[in-house]
Amino acid sequence: MINTFKNETLLIDKIIKNPLDSHLILLNNHLSRYDKAIESLEITSKDIVIDASCGLGYGSYVLAQKAKLVIGLDTNPRYIKFAKEKFKTQNIQFFLYDDFKKSPIKADKIVCIETYEHVDKENIGIFLKMILGFLKNRGDMFLTAPLGKNKPSSYNKYHLNEPSIDLLYNNFTRYFRRLIFEIDYFKNSFGYYTRSCYLILKGYKAI
């Protein structure tokens, strides 16, 4: 047991690089949301899950520890290339959104983390309609978004659309039979304490 602890410590020491503080906060924020998604959606080995958007693929890998199949989608070809090289396994597939549109596969569940706020208000309806088109009737969805005043972030140039709870409700109530809102208050990677919404959506009403 002592040797096991020693080996793990040496391995972690080899992997982790400086600077650590902001990187660890960012990583914890991201990975904890994937854990929350697994718990909230009760993801099991029977489920096909879409990770929209998957970025570099590490969240898809976390989901794949529970799911039957994970499909990671993104708009960035460089991210998809990296994800395929580092995280593609027997039960993970990665696609650009445009390429996956041609697929007949429908997901049981969709996980959408750190994505909503990166789509501008003019296109968010189009984006949501697209990803919901990948979901089975009565499927479930987990979405996160930093809460704001329905406008871009005041300090993060990549957050084009920080919604209010009312707007999130209006966006999703016609699509799902049950909506559950949970609010988290945490320190983000910019060092600001902020409110984030976990939106758990049950029973997709395929339109």
C-alpha atoms as a PDB file:
ATOM      1  CA  MET A   1       0.000   0.000   0.000  1.00  0.00           C
ATOM      2  CA  ILE A   2       2.817   2.431   0.850  1.00  0.00           C
ATOM      3  CA  ASN A   3       4.495   1.744  -2.480  1.00  0.00           C
ATOM      4  CA  THR A   4       1.179   2.330  -4.248  1.00  0.00           C
ATOM      5  CA  PHE A   5       0.823   5.748  -2.627  1.00  0.00           C
ATOM      6  CA  LYS A   6       4.423   6.556  -3.476  1.00  0.00           C
ATOM      7  CA  ASN A   7       3.995   5.558  -7.124  1.00  0.00           C
ATOM      8  CA  GLU A   8       0.792   7.585  -7.491  1.00  0.00           C
ATOM      9  CA  THR A   9       2.407  10.640  -5.921  1.00  0.00           C
ATOM     10  CA  LEU A  10       5.374  10.435  -8.270  1.00  0.00           C
ATOM     11  CA  LEU A  11       3.066  10.029 -11.261  1.00  0.00           C
ATOM     12  CA  ILE A  12       0.954  13.051 -10.292  1.00  0.00           C
ATOM     13  CA  ASP A  13       4.097  15.085  -9.681  1.00  0.00           C
ATOM     14  CA  LYS A  14       5.282  14.206 -13.186  1.00  0.00           C
ATOM     15  CA  ILE A  15       1.993  15.119 -14.854  1.00  0.00           C
ATOM     16  CA  ILE A  16       1.147  18.378 -13.082  1.00  0.00           C
ATOM     17  CA  LYS A  17       2.941  21.483 -14.308  1.00  0.00           C
ATOM     18  CA  ASN A  18       3.108  25.060 -13.035  1.00  0.00           C
ATOM     19  CA  PRO A  19       1.303  27.385 -12.692  1.00  0.00           C
ATOM     20  CA  LEU A  20      -1.227  25.327 -10.779  1.00  0.00           C
ATOM     21  CA  ASP A  21      -3.733  27.527  -8.961  1.00  0.00           C
ATOM     22  CA  SER A  22      -5.970  28.830 -11.745  1.00  0.00           C
ATOM     23  CA  HIS A  23      -5.585  25.631 -13.760  1.00  0.00           C
ATOM     24  CA  LEU A  24      -6.807  23.489 -10.867  1.00  0.00           C
ATOM     25  CA  ILE A  25      -9.820  25.740 -10.285  1.00  0.00           C
ATOM     26  CA  LEU A  26     -10.728  25.561 -13.972  1.00  0.00           C
ATOM     27  CA  LEU A  27     -10.271  21.790 -14.150  1.00  0.00           C
ATOM     28  CA  ASN A  28     -12.283  21.212 -10.983  1.00  0.00           C
ATOM     29  CA  ASN A  29     -15.124  23.415 -12.247  1.00  0.00           C
ATOM     30  CA  HIS A  30     -15.310  21.496 -15.528  1.00  0.00           C
ATOM     31  CA  LEU A  31     -14.949  17.948 -14.222  1.00  0.00           C
ATOM     32  CA  SER A  32     -17.330  18.471 -11.308  1.00  0.00           C
ATOM     33  CA  ARG A  33     -20.018  19.465 -13.808  1.00  0.00           C
ATOM     34  CA  TYR A  34     -19.565  16.231 -15.726  1.00  0.00           C
ATOM     35  CA  ASP A  35     -19.918  14.311 -12.465  1.00  0.00           C
ATOM     36  CA  LYS A  36     -23.066  16.321 -11.753  1.00  0.00           C
ATOM     37  CA  ALA A  37     -24.412  15.450 -15.206  1.00  0.00           C
ATOM     38  CA  ILE A  38     -23.822  11.733 -14.656  1.00  0.00           C
ATOM     39  CA  GLU A  39     -25.632  11.896 -11.319  1.00  0.00           C
ATOM     40  CA  SER A  40     -28.514  14.120 -12.465  1.00  0.00           C
ATOM     41  CA  LEU A  41     -29.253  12.173 -15.643  1.00  0.00           C
ATOM     42  CA  GLU A  42     -28.581   8.802 -13.992  1.00  0.00           C
ATOM     43  CA  ILE A  43     -26.355   7.796 -16.898  1.00  0.00           C
ATOM     44  CA  THR A  44     -25.871   4.038 -17.162  1.00  0.00           C
ATOM     45  CA  SER A  45     -24.311   1.466 -19.469  1.00  0.00           C
ATOM     46  CA  LYS A  46     -27.575   1.413 -21.468  1.00  0.00           C
ATOM     47  CA  ASP A  47     -27.344   5.065 -22.525  1.00  0.00           C
ATOM     48  CA  ILE A  48     -26.118   6.756 -25.692  1.00  0.00           C
ATOM     49  CA  VAL A  49     -24.940  10.205 -24.593  1.00  0.00           C
ATOM     50  CA  ILE A  50     -24.027  13.260 -26.655  1.00  0.00           C
ATOM     51  CA  ASP A  51     -21.442  15.655 -25.259  1.00  0.00           C
ATOM     52  CA  ALA A  52     -22.295  18.988 -26.872  1.00  0.00           C
ATOM     53  CA  SER A  53     -19.760  20.601 -27.090  1.00  0.00           C
ATOM     54  CA  CYS A  54     -16.899  18.302 -26.211  1.00  0.00           C
ATOM     55  CA  GLY A  55     -13.883  20.601 -26.655  1.00  0.00           C
ATOM     56  CA  LEU A  56     -10.701  18.556 -26.265  1.00  0.00           C
ATOM     57  CA  GLY A  57     -12.631  15.440 -25.257  1.00  0.00           C
ATOM     58  CA  TYR A  58     -11.776  14.879 -21.605  1.00  0.00           C
ATOM     59  CA  GLY A  59     -15.392  15.331 -20.489  1.00  0.00           C
ATOM     60  CA  SER A  60     -16.534  12.784 -23.047  1.00  0.00           C
ATOM     61  CA  TYR A  61     -14.004  10.376 -21.553  1.00  0.00           C
ATOM     62  CA  VAL A  62     -15.490  10.933 -18.080  1.00  0.00           C
ATOM     63  CA  LEU A  63     -19.003  10.272 -19.394  1.00  0.00           C
ATOM     64  CA  ALA A  64     -17.801   7.132 -21.174  1.00  0.00           C
ATOM     65  CA  GLN A  65     -16.912   5.527 -17.842  1.00  0.00           C
ATOM     66  CA  LYS A  66     -20.672   5.164 -17.279  1.00  0.00           C
ATOM     67  CA  ALA A  67     -22.362   5.306 -20.689  1.00  0.00           C
ATOM     68  CA  LYS A  68     -22.800   2.688 -23.387  1.00  0.00           C
ATOM     69  CA  LEU A  69     -21.650   5.156 -26.063  1.00  0.00           C
ATOM     70  CA  VAL A  70     -20.559   8.803 -25.938  1.00  0.00           C
ATOM     71  CA  ILE A  71     -20.592  11.020 -29.005  1.00  0.00           C
ATOM     72  CA  GLY A  72     -18.490  14.142 -28.621  1.00  0.00           C
ATOM     73  CA  LEU A  73     -19.456  17.031 -30.903  1.00  0.00           C
ATOM     74  CA  ASP A  74     -17.702  20.327 -31.538  1.00  0.00           C
ATOM     75  CA  THR A  75     -17.289  23.043 -34.169  1.00  0.00           C
ATOM     76  CA  ASN A  76     -13.498  23.206 -33.899  1.00  0.00           C
ATOM     77  CA  PRO A  77     -11.603  20.748 -36.180  1.00  0.00           C
ATOM     78  CA  ARG A  78      -8.442  21.101 -34.091  1.00  0.00           C
ATOM     79  CA  TYR A  79     -10.294  20.082 -30.929  1.00  0.00           C
ATOM     80  CA  ILE A  80     -11.856  17.067 -32.640  1.00  0.00           C
ATOM     81  CA  LYS A  81      -8.493  15.972 -34.004  1.00  0.00           C
ATOM     82  CA  PHE A  82      -6.937  16.186 -30.528  1.00  0.00           C
ATOM     83  CA  ALA A  83      -9.869  14.352 -28.918  1.00  0.00           C
ATOM     84  CA  LYS A  84      -9.625  11.498 -31.423  1.00  0.00           C
ATOM     85  CA  GLU A  85      -5.893  11.158 -30.755  1.00  0.00           C
ATOM     86  CA  LYS A  86      -6.092  11.308 -26.963  1.00  0.00           C
ATOM     87  CA  PHE A  87      -9.508  10.044 -25.870  1.00  0.00           C
ATOM     88  CA  LYS A  88     -11.132   7.936 -28.576  1.00  0.00           C
ATOM     89  CA  THR A  89     -11.951   4.486 -27.211  1.00  0.00           C
ATOM     90  CA  GLN A  90     -14.332   1.697 -28.127  1.00  0.00           C
ATOM     91  CA  ASN A  91     -17.321   3.572 -26.686  1.00  0.00           C
ATOM     92  CA  ILE A  92     -16.419   7.167 -27.688  1.00  0.00           C
ATOM     93  CA  GLN A  93     -16.795   8.772 -31.106  1.00  0.00           C
ATOM     94  CA  PHE A  94     -15.963  12.370 -32.035  1.00  0.00           C
ATOM     95  CA  PHE A  95     -17.519  14.432 -34.834  1.00  0.00           C
ATOM     96  CA  LEU A  96     -17.821  17.964 -36.071  1.00  0.00           C
ATOM     97  CA  TYR A  97     -21.435  19.089 -35.701  1.00  0.00           C
ATOM     98  CA  ASP A  98     -21.879  19.430 -39.454  1.00  0.00           C
ATOM     99  CA  ASP A  99     -20.664  15.874 -40.037  1.00  0.00           C
ATOM    100  CA  PHE A 100     -22.894  14.363 -37.345  1.00  0.00           C
ATOM    101  CA  LYS A 101     -26.017  15.959 -38.830  1.00  0.00           C
ATOM    102  CA  LYS A 102     -25.937  13.135 -41.392  1.00  0.00           C
ATOM    103  CA  SER A 103     -25.992  10.409 -38.731  1.00  0.00           C
ATOM    104  CA  PRO A 104     -29.170   8.433 -37.928  1.00  0.00           C
ATOM    105  CA  ILE A 105     -28.047   7.969 -34.298  1.00  0.00           C
ATOM    106  CA  LYS A 106     -30.333   9.421 -31.633  1.00  0.00           C
ATOM    107  CA  ALA A 107     -29.127   9.951 -28.068  1.00  0.00           C
ATOM    108  CA  ASP A 108     -30.869   8.961 -24.858  1.00  0.00           C
ATOM    109  CA  LYS A 109     -29.273  11.906 -23.096  1.00  0.00           C
ATOM    110  CA  ILE A 110     -27.463  15.138 -23.964  1.00  0.00           C
ATOM    111  CA  VAL A 111     -24.865  16.852 -21.807  1.00  0.00           C
ATOM    112  CA  CYS A 112     -24.223  20.491 -22.708  1.00  0.00           C
ATOM    113  CA  ILE A 113     -21.569  22.054 -20.472  1.00  0.00           C
ATOM    114  CA  GLU A 114     -19.819  25.398 -20.989  1.00  0.00           C
ATOM    115  CA  THR A 115     -21.496  25.908 -24.352  1.00  0.00           C
ATOM    116  CA  TYR A 116     -24.705  27.965 -24.135  1.00  0.00           C
ATOM    117  CA  GLU A 117     -22.837  31.140 -23.160  1.00  0.00           C
ATOM    118  CA  HIS A 118     -20.513  30.873 -26.176  1.00  0.00           C
ATOM    119  CA  VAL A 119     -23.369  31.153 -28.688  1.00  0.00           C
ATOM    120  CA  ASP A 120     -24.662  34.662 -29.405  1.00  0.00           C
ATOM    121  CA  LYS A 121     -28.329  35.485 -28.807  1.00  0.00           C
ATOM    122  CA  GLU A 122     -29.098  35.617 -32.515  1.00  0.00           C
ATOM    123  CA  ASN A 123     -28.039  31.981 -33.007  1.00  0.00           C
ATOM    124  CA  ILE A 124     -28.864  30.281 -29.704  1.00  0.00           C
ATOM    125  CA  GLY A 125     -32.320  29.191 -30.905  1.00  0.00           C
ATOM    126  CA  ILE A 126     -30.816  27.603 -34.024  1.00  0.00           C
ATOM    127  CA  PHE A 127     -28.154  25.842 -31.952  1.00  0.00           C
ATOM    128  CA  LEU A 128     -30.631  24.440 -29.426  1.00  0.00           C
ATOM    129  CA  LYS A 129     -32.971  23.223 -32.149  1.00  0.00           C
ATOM    130  CA  MET A 130     -30.041  21.462 -33.821  1.00  0.00           C
ATOM    131  CA  ILE A 131     -28.811  19.567 -30.761  1.00  0.00           C
ATOM    132  CA  LEU A 132     -32.330  18.666 -29.634  1.00  0.00           C
ATOM    133  CA  GLY A 133     -32.790  17.105 -33.056  1.00  0.00           C
ATOM    134  CA  PHE A 134     -30.197  14.536 -31.939  1.00  0.00           C
ATOM    135  CA  LEU A 135     -32.266  13.514 -28.876  1.00  0.00           C
ATOM    136  CA  LYS A 136     -34.771  10.656 -28.650  1.00  0.00           C
ATOM    137  CA  ASN A 137     -38.371  11.387 -27.745  1.00  0.00           C
ATOM    138  CA  ARG A 138     -38.609  11.451 -23.905  1.00  0.00           C
ATOM    139  CA  GLY A 139     -34.829  11.783 -23.652  1.00  0.00           C
ATOM    140  CA  ASP A 140     -33.156  13.940 -21.005  1.00  0.00           C
ATOM    141  CA  MET A 141     -30.653  16.779 -21.069  1.00  0.00           C
ATOM    142  CA  PHE A 142     -28.220  18.444 -18.654  1.00  0.00           C
ATOM    143  CA  LEU A 143     -27.102  21.999 -19.381  1.00  0.00           C
ATOM    144  CA  THR A 144     -24.975  24.544 -17.533  1.00  0.00           C
ATOM    145  CA  ALA A 145     -24.810  28.301 -18.022  1.00  0.00           C
ATOM    146  CA  PRO A 146     -23.405  31.213 -16.021  1.00  0.00           C
ATOM    147  CA  LEU A 147     -26.316  33.399 -14.961  1.00  0.00           C
ATOM    148  CA  GLY A 148     -26.377  36.969 -16.205  1.00  0.00           C
ATOM    149  CA  LYS A 149     -28.584  39.682 -17.668  1.00  0.00           C
ATOM    150  CA  ASN A 150     -29.139  38.233 -21.162  1.00  0.00           C
ATOM    151  CA  LYS A 151     -26.078  39.944 -22.566  1.00  0.00           C
ATOM    152  CA  PRO A 152     -22.328  39.262 -22.951  1.00  0.00           C
ATOM    153  CA  SER A 153     -20.046  38.940 -19.931  1.00  0.00           C
ATOM    154  CA  SER A 154     -18.467  42.121 -18.603  1.00  0.00           C
ATOM    155  CA  TYR A 155     -15.050  40.472 -18.201  1.00  0.00           C
ATOM    156  CA  ASN A 156     -14.933  37.299 -20.315  1.00  0.00           C
ATOM    157  CA  LYS A 157     -14.899  38.134 -24.023  1.00  0.00           C
ATOM    158  CA  TYR A 158     -15.777  34.545 -24.936  1.00  0.00           C
ATOM    159  CA  HIS A 159     -19.093  34.629 -23.066  1.00  0.00           C
ATOM    160  CA  LEU A 160     -21.392  36.119 -25.677  1.00  0.00           C
ATOM    161  CA  ASN A 161     -24.681  35.307 -23.977  1.00  0.00           C
ATOM    162  CA  GLU A 162     -25.094  34.960 -20.211  1.00  0.00           C
ATOM    163  CA  PRO A 163     -28.809  34.194 -19.683  1.00  0.00           C
ATOM    164  CA  SER A 164     -31.235  34.851 -16.864  1.00  0.00           C
ATOM    165  CA  ILE A 165     -33.244  32.023 -15.305  1.00  0.00           C
ATOM    166  CA  ASP A 166     -36.390  33.404 -16.948  1.00  0.00           C
ATOM    167  CA  LEU A 167     -34.798  33.212 -20.391  1.00  0.00           C
ATOM    168  CA  LEU A 168     -33.592  29.644 -19.816  1.00  0.00           C
ATOM    169  CA  TYR A 169     -37.100  28.665 -18.723  1.00  0.00           C
ATOM    170  CA  ASN A 170     -38.623  30.229 -21.817  1.00  0.00           C
ATOM    171  CA  ASN A 171     -36.059  28.541 -24.073  1.00  0.00           C
ATOM    172  CA  PHE A 172     -36.740  25.026 -22.800  1.00  0.00           C
ATOM    173  CA  THR A 173     -40.240  24.774 -21.328  1.00  0.00           C
ATOM    174  CA  ARG A 174     -41.859  23.914 -24.670  1.00  0.00           C
ATOM    175  CA  TYR A 175     -39.337  21.150 -25.312  1.00  0.00           C
ATOM    176  CA  PHE A 176     -39.376  19.230 -22.007  1.00  0.00           C
ATOM    177  CA  ARG A 177     -42.006  17.884 -19.657  1.00  0.00           C
ATOM    178  CA  ARG A 178     -40.056  18.737 -16.507  1.00  0.00           C
ATOM    179  CA  LEU A 179     -37.424  21.402 -15.780  1.00  0.00           C
ATOM    180  CA  ILE A 180     -35.251  21.403 -12.652  1.00  0.00           C
ATOM    181  CA  PHE A 181     -33.070  24.427 -11.834  1.00  0.00           C
ATOM    182  CA  GLU A 182     -30.137  24.252  -9.418  1.00  0.00           C
ATOM    183  CA  ILE A 183     -27.929  27.261  -8.667  1.00  0.00           C
ATOM    184  CA  ASP A 184     -24.244  26.978  -7.779  1.00  0.00           C
ATOM    185  CA  TYR A 185     -22.116  29.824  -6.436  1.00  0.00           C
ATOM    186  CA  PHE A 186     -18.408  29.318  -7.021  1.00  0.00           C
ATOM    187  CA  LYS A 187     -15.084  30.950  -7.862  1.00  0.00           C
ATOM    188  CA  ASN A 188     -14.379  30.802 -11.577  1.00  0.00           C
ATOM    189  CA  SER A 189     -11.011  30.669 -13.348  1.00  0.00           C
ATOM    190  CA  PHE A 190     -10.948  34.482 -13.586  1.00  0.00           C
ATOM    191  CA  GLY A 191     -11.057  34.725  -9.803  1.00  0.00           C
ATOM    192  CA  TYR A 192     -14.648  36.029  -9.726  1.00  0.00           C
ATOM    193  CA  TYR A 193     -17.370  34.525  -7.568  1.00  0.00           C
ATOM    194  CA  THR A 194     -20.262  33.850  -9.902  1.00  0.00           C
ATOM    195  CA  ARG A 195     -23.626  32.099 -10.089  1.00  0.00           C
ATOM    196  CA  SER A 196     -24.075  29.206 -12.454  1.00  0.00           C
ATOM    197  CA  CYS A 197     -27.256  27.342 -13.343  1.00  0.00           C
ATOM    198  CA  TYR A 198     -27.522  23.573 -13.638  1.00  0.00           C
ATOM    199  CA  LEU A 199     -30.575  22.886 -15.768  1.00  0.00           C
ATOM    200  CA  ILE A 200     -31.847  19.311 -15.633  1.00  0.00           C
ATOM    201  CA  LEU A 201     -34.373  18.689 -18.402  1.00  0.00           C
ATOM    202  CA  LYS A 202     -36.571  15.588 -18.317  1.00  0.00           C
ATOM    203  CA  GLY A 203     -38.786  14.056 -20.989  1.00  0.00           C
ATOM    204  CA  TYR A 204     -38.045  15.652 -24.350  1.00  0.00           C
ATOM    205  CA  LYS A 205     -41.168  16.394 -26.370  1.00  0.00           C
ATOM    206  CA  ALA A 206     -39.969  15.740 -29.902  1.00  0.00           C
ATOM    207  CA  ILE A 207     -41.464  18.385 -32.150  1.00  0.00           C
END
